[in-house]
């Protein structure tokens, strides 16, 4: 019971962090770029962009892993 509450809270925190990380990646573009309206050119990620990309990937993997664990533990009840 307590574990389910902890997993739910952790999943909400990871979701908010993942949304923030994805929105921060569109910096330097106009407002239309946030919603996919701007054209983009492929560029190599360097410095902070690379770190933010790595953090986003880590958050996504952690979120989906936690979601799977949450479903498995809920089904085991």
Protein backbone atom coordinates (compact mmCIF):
# COMPACT_ATOMS: atom_id res chain seq x y z
CA UNK A 1 0.00 0.00 0.00
CA UNK A 2 2.69 2.49 0.97
CA UNK A 3 4.81 1.32 -1.96
CA UNK A 4 1.98 2.10 -4.41
CA UNK A 5 1.69 5.64 -3.02
CA UNK A 6 5.45 6.14 -3.28
CA UNK A 7 5.52 4.83 -6.86
CA UNK A 8 2.63 7.11 -7.83
CA UNK A 9 4.31 10.19 -6.40
CA UNK A 10 7.64 9.27 -7.98
CA UNK A 11 5.95 8.80 -11.34
CA UNK A 12 4.29 12.22 -11.13
CA UNK A 13 7.61 13.88 -10.24
CA UNK A 14 9.37 12.13 -13.14
CA UNK A 15 6.58 13.12 -15.54
CA UNK A 16 6.85 16.80 -14.61
CA UNK A 17 10.66 16.68 -14.87
CA UNK A 18 10.43 14.97 -18.28
CA UNK A 19 7.99 17.57 -19.59
CA UNK A 20 10.29 20.35 -18.38
CA UNK A 21 13.35 18.76 -19.99
CA UNK A 22 11.59 18.35 -23.34
CA UNK A 23 10.35 21.94 -23.31
CA UNK A 24 13.82 23.27 -22.44
CA UNK A 25 15.27 21.57 -25.52
CA UNK A 26 13.42 23.91 -27.85
CA UNK A 27 15.33 26.96 -26.58
CA UNK A 28 16.62 29.33 -29.21
CA UNK A 29 13.64 28.72 -31.48
CA UNK A 30 10.59 30.86 -31.89
CA UNK A 31 7.35 30.00 -30.14
CA UNK A 32 6.24 28.02 -33.19
CA UNK A 33 9.21 25.71 -32.69
CA UNK A 34 7.82 24.52 -29.38
CA UNK A 35 4.80 23.08 -31.16
CA UNK A 36 6.64 21.79 -34.22
CA UNK A 37 5.91 24.68 -36.57
CA UNK A 38 9.46 25.78 -37.29
CA UNK A 39 11.94 24.18 -39.63
CA UNK A 40 15.02 22.72 -38.06
CA UNK A 41 18.49 21.92 -39.33
CA UNK A 42 20.46 18.99 -37.97
CA UNK A 43 23.20 20.18 -35.63
CA UNK A 44 25.65 18.33 -33.42
CA UNK A 45 24.77 18.61 -29.76
CA UNK A 46 27.49 20.23 -27.67
CA UNK A 47 27.84 21.39 -24.10
CA UNK A 48 24.60 22.10 -22.31
CA UNK A 49 22.49 20.80 -25.21
CA UNK A 50 24.16 17.41 -24.98
CA UNK A 51 23.75 17.32 -21.19
CA UNK A 52 20.06 18.25 -21.47
CA UNK A 53 19.55 15.56 -24.13
CA UNK A 54 21.21 12.94 -21.91
CA UNK A 55 19.10 13.97 -18.92
CA UNK A 56 15.95 13.76 -21.05
CA UNK A 57 16.81 10.25 -22.20
CA UNK A 58 17.55 9.17 -18.62
CA UNK A 59 14.26 10.65 -17.38
CA UNK A 60 12.31 8.92 -20.15
CA UNK A 61 13.87 5.54 -19.38
CA UNK A 62 13.28 6.00 -15.64
CA UNK A 63 9.65 7.06 -16.23
CA UNK A 64 8.78 4.07 -18.41
CA UNK A 65 10.61 1.64 -16.13
CA UNK A 66 8.72 3.00 -13.13
CA UNK A 67 5.44 2.77 -15.06
CA UNK A 68 6.07 -0.90 -15.86
CA UNK A 69 7.02 -1.65 -12.25
CA UNK A 70 3.88 0.13 -11.07
CA UNK A 71 1.67 -1.93 -13.41
CA UNK A 72 3.33 -5.22 -12.44
CA UNK A 73 2.98 -4.51 -8.71
CA UNK A 74 -0.64 -3.40 -9.13
CA UNK A 75 -1.48 -6.59 -11.06
CA UNK A 76 0.12 -8.73 -8.34
CA UNK A 77 -2.47 -7.57 -5.77
